[in-house]
C-alpha atoms as a PDB file:
ATOM      1  CA  GLY A   1     147.598  86.581 121.391  1.00  0.00           C
ATOM      2  CA  THR A   2     147.387  83.322 119.536  1.00  0.00           C
ATOM      3  CA  ALA A   3     145.400  84.740 116.605  1.00  0.00           C
ATOM      4  CA  ALA A   4     148.011  87.442 115.966  1.00  0.00           C
ATOM      5  CA  TYR A   5     150.761  84.813 116.070  1.00  0.00           C
ATOM      6  CA  ASP A   6     148.772  82.627 113.633  1.00  0.00           C
ATOM      7  CA  ILE A   7     148.480  85.532 111.201  1.00  0.00           C
ATOM      8  CA  ALA A   8     152.153  86.507 111.444  1.00  0.00           C
ATOM      9  CA  LEU A   9     153.210  82.895 110.946  1.00  0.00           C
ATOM     10  CA  GLY A  10     150.718  82.369 108.118  1.00  0.00           C
ATOM     11  CA  ILE A  11     151.869  85.345 106.073  1.00  0.00           C
ATOM     12  CA  ASN A  12     155.530  84.513 106.664  1.00  0.00           C
ATOM     13  CA  LEU A  13     156.342  87.487 108.883  1.00  0.00           C
ATOM     14  CA  ILE A  14     157.918  85.136 111.389  1.00  0.00           C
ATOM     15  CA  THR A  15     159.363  81.642 111.455  1.00  0.00           C
ATOM     16  CA  PRO A  16     157.673  78.827 113.406  1.00  0.00           C
ATOM     17  CA  VAL A  17     160.321  79.112 116.116  1.00  0.00           C
ATOM     18  CA  PRO A  18     160.326  82.636 117.588  1.00  0.00           C
ATOM     19  CA  VAL A  19     163.508  84.606 117.037  1.00  0.00           C
ATOM     20  CA  ASN A  20     164.734  87.902 118.472  1.00  0.00           C
ATOM     21  CA  ASN A  21     163.611  90.069 115.539  1.00  0.00           C
ATOM     22  CA  ILE A  22     159.946  89.041 115.317  1.00  0.00           C
ATOM     23  CA  PRO A  23     158.007  91.943 113.783  1.00  0.00           C
ATOM     24  CA  LEU A  24     155.021  91.154 116.001  1.00  0.00           C
ATOM     25  CA  VAL A  25     154.312  93.800 118.623  1.00  0.00           C
ATOM     26  CA  ALA A  26     151.844  93.675 121.502  1.00  0.00           C
ATOM     27  CA  SER A  27     149.273  96.443 121.269  1.00  0.00           C
ATOM     28  CA  THR A  28     150.377  97.747 124.655  1.00  0.00           C
ATOM     29  CA  ASN A  29     153.827  98.468 123.192  1.00  0.00           C
ATOM     30  CA  VAL A  30     152.612 100.589 120.273  1.00  0.00           C
ATOM     31  CA  VAL A  31     152.615 104.322 120.898  1.00  0.00           C
ATOM     32  CA  ASN A  32     151.066 105.501 117.610  1.00  0.00           C
ATOM     33  CA  ILE A  33     149.424 103.106 115.174  1.00  0.00           C
ATOM     34  CA  LEU A  34     148.603 105.801 112.635  1.00  0.00           C
ATOM     35  CA  GLY A  35     150.917 106.099 109.666  1.00  0.00           C
ATOM     36  CA  GLN A  36     151.867 102.412 109.514  1.00  0.00           C
ATOM     37  CA  ASN A  37     150.455  99.622 107.355  1.00  0.00           C
ATOM     38  CA  THR A  38     149.139  97.384 110.106  1.00  0.00           C
ATOM     39  CA  ILE A  39     147.140  94.270 110.939  1.00  0.00           C
ATOM     40  CA  LEU A  40     145.288  94.797 114.225  1.00  0.00           C
ATOM     41  CA  VAL A  41     143.921  91.775 116.076  1.00  0.00           C
ATOM     42  CA  SER A  42     141.531  91.864 119.001  1.00  0.00           C
ATOM     43  CA  THR A  43     138.657  90.361 120.873  1.00  0.00           C
ATOM     44  CA  GLY A  44     136.098  93.118 121.248  1.00  0.00           C
ATOM     45  CA  CYS A  45     137.777  96.237 122.614  1.00  0.00           C
ATOM     46  CA  SER A  46     140.915  94.658 124.103  1.00  0.00           C
ATOM     47  CA  ASN A  47     143.220  96.321 121.530  1.00  0.00           C
ATOM     48  CA  THR A  48     143.179 100.052 122.238  1.00  0.00           C
ATOM     49  CA  ASN A  49     144.913 100.757 118.924  1.00  0.00           C
ATOM     50  CA  ILE A  50     141.697  99.849 117.116  1.00  0.00           C
ATOM     51  CA  ALA A  51     139.867 102.605 118.967  1.00  0.00           C
ATOM     52  CA  GLN A  52     142.762 104.979 118.174  1.00  0.00           C
ATOM     53  CA  LEU A  53     142.496 104.145 114.484  1.00  0.00           C
ATOM     54  CA  LEU A  54     138.719 104.108 114.124  1.00  0.00           C
ATOM     55  CA  GLY A  55     137.558 106.269 116.980  1.00  0.00           C
ATOM     56  CA  ALA A  56     135.711 103.277 118.481  1.00  0.00           C
ATOM     57  CA  CYS A  57     135.909  99.516 118.711  1.00  0.00           C
ATOM     58  CA  ALA A  58     133.342  96.892 117.803  1.00  0.00           C
ATOM     59  CA  THR A  59     131.229  95.834 120.745  1.00  0.00           C
ATOM     60  CA  ASN A  60     128.367  94.323 118.771  1.00  0.00           C
ATOM     61  CA  ILE A  61     130.063  91.220 117.340  1.00  0.00           C
ATOM     62  CA  PRO A  62     127.687  88.255 117.735  1.00  0.00           C
ATOM     63  CA  SER A  63     128.869  85.347 119.857  1.00  0.00           C
ATOM     64  CA  GLY A  64     131.086  82.871 117.990  1.00  0.00           C
ATOM     65  CA  THR A  65     131.756  85.224 115.075  1.00  0.00           C
ATOM     66  CA  ALA A  66     134.438  87.626 113.929  1.00  0.00           C
ATOM     67  CA  LYS A  67     134.930  90.419 111.414  1.00  0.00           C
ATOM     68  CA  ILE A  68     137.800  91.117 109.055  1.00  0.00           C
ATOM     69  CA  THR A  69     137.686  94.722 107.883  1.00  0.00           C
ATOM     70  CA  ALA A  70     140.046  96.562 105.524  1.00  0.00           C
ATOM     71  CA  TYR A  71     140.638 100.287 105.779  1.00  0.00           C
ATOM     72  CA  ASN A  72     142.642 102.683 103.638  1.00  0.00           C
ATOM     73  CA  LEU A  73     143.284 105.852 105.635  1.00  0.00           C
ATOM     74  CA  ASN A  74     145.815 108.542 104.775  1.00  0.00           C
ATOM     75  CA  ASN A  75     147.483 106.311 102.165  1.00  0.00           C
ATOM     76  CA  LYS A  76     148.059 103.530 104.707  1.00  0.00           C
ATOM     77  CA  LYS A  77     146.356 100.146 104.775  1.00  0.00           C
ATOM     78  CA  TYR A  78     144.917  98.596 107.908  1.00  0.00           C
ATOM     79  CA  VAL A  79     143.306  95.218 108.428  1.00  0.00           C
ATOM     80  CA  VAL A  80     141.282  94.847 111.600  1.00  0.00           C
ATOM     81  CA  VAL A  81     140.499  91.336 112.822  1.00  0.00           C
ATOM     82  CA  GLN A  82     137.999  91.405 115.690  1.00  0.00           C
ATOM     83  CA  GLY A  83     136.255  88.439 117.230  1.00  0.00           C
ATOM     84  CA  ALA A  84     133.595  88.082 119.891  1.00  0.00           C
ATOM     85  CA  ASP A  85     136.069  85.875 121.784  1.00  0.00           C
ATOM     86  CA  SER A  86     139.517  84.360 121.289  1.00  0.00           C
ATOM     87  CA  VAL A  87     138.226  81.310 119.378  1.00  0.00           C
ATOM     88  CA  ALA A  88     136.246  83.495 116.965  1.00  0.00           C
ATOM     89  CA  THR A  89     139.298  85.705 116.463  1.00  0.00           C
ATOM     90  CA  ARG A  90     141.397  82.635 115.627  1.00  0.00           C
ATOM     91  CA  LYS A  91     138.744  81.549 113.087  1.00  0.00           C
ATOM     92  CA  ALA A  92     139.092  84.903 111.354  1.00  0.00           C
ATOM     93  CA  SER A  93     142.889  84.654 111.448  1.00  0.00           C
ATOM     94  CA  LYS A  94     142.674  81.271 109.702  1.00  0.00           C
ATOM     95  CA  VAL A  95     140.473  82.781 106.993  1.00  0.00           C
ATOM     96  CA  LEU A  96     142.896  85.664 106.529  1.00  0.00           C
ATOM     97  CA  ILE A  97     146.004  83.497 106.217  1.00  0.00           C
ATOM     98  CA  ASN A  98     144.201  81.083 103.877  1.00  0.00           C
ATOM     99  CA  SER A  99     142.506  83.827 101.878  1.00  0.00           C
ATOM    100  CA  GLN A 100     142.971  81.952  98.606  1.00  0.00           C
ATOM    101  CA  ASN A 101     140.352  79.445  99.854  1.00  0.00           C
ATOM    102  CA  TYR A 102     137.732  82.086 100.665  1.00  0.00           C
ATOM    103  CA  ASN A 103     135.779  84.713  98.780  1.00  0.00           C
ATOM    104  CA  LEU A 104     137.174  87.812 100.496  1.00  0.00           C
ATOM    105  CA  GLN A 105     135.598  90.673  98.602  1.00  0.00           C
ATOM    106  CA  GLY A 106     134.618  94.125  99.717  1.00  0.00           C
ATOM    107  CA  GLN A 107     135.714  96.048 102.751  1.00  0.00           C
ATOM    108  CA  GLN A 108     134.382  93.602 105.357  1.00  0.00           C
ATOM    109  CA  VAL A 109     133.667  89.904 105.762  1.00  0.00           C
ATOM    110  CA  CYS A 110     132.259  88.063 108.732  1.00  0.00           C
ATOM    111  CA  VAL A 111     133.469  84.668 109.870  1.00  0.00           C
ATOM    112  CA  GLY A 112     131.594  81.887 111.611  1.00  0.00           C
ATOM    113  CA  GLY A 113     131.758  78.114 111.523  1.00  0.00           C
ATOM    114  CA  SER A 114     134.158  76.146 113.656  1.00  0.00           C
ATOM    115  CA  LEU A 115     137.826  76.589 114.438  1.00  0.00           C
ATOM    116  CA  THR A 116     138.695  73.667 112.158  1.00  0.00           C
ATOM    117  CA  THR A 117     136.395  74.789 109.338  1.00  0.00           C
ATOM    118  CA  PRO A 118     135.783  78.535 109.495  1.00  0.00           C
ATOM    119  CA  GLN A 119     133.235  79.905 107.032  1.00  0.00           C
ATOM    120  CA  ILE A 120     132.356  83.292 105.560  1.00  0.00           C
ATOM    121  CA  ILE A 121     128.914  84.251 106.820  1.00  0.00           C
ATOM    122  CA  SER A 122     126.571  87.165 106.279  1.00  0.00           C
ATOM    123  CA  CYS A 123     127.390  90.271 108.278  1.00  0.00           C
END
């Protein structure tokens, strides 16, 4: 989705013009997410790899908000970006790619505000 593309572009995984070797993979094309350092992006439960990783997906994200959560499991790092909807997920992706402008401390932060000016809010 758009939020995943924003993140990949923002952290220089891909160039602005897509090329054949983009290291961005749709969740439906991933057989086993475990054992790989990964950023997982989803609205609610639409990314089944999140449920594979955590045993469940977040269904209680308030409308208009998103969560960015870091996990360290079996010596691998995972970042899960989940929004209540696609706009909220894009807000969180903007926070993640512009992390130097936000106070991202701890294992989880919640994101609200608008798409043009996302803000860290209380979880």
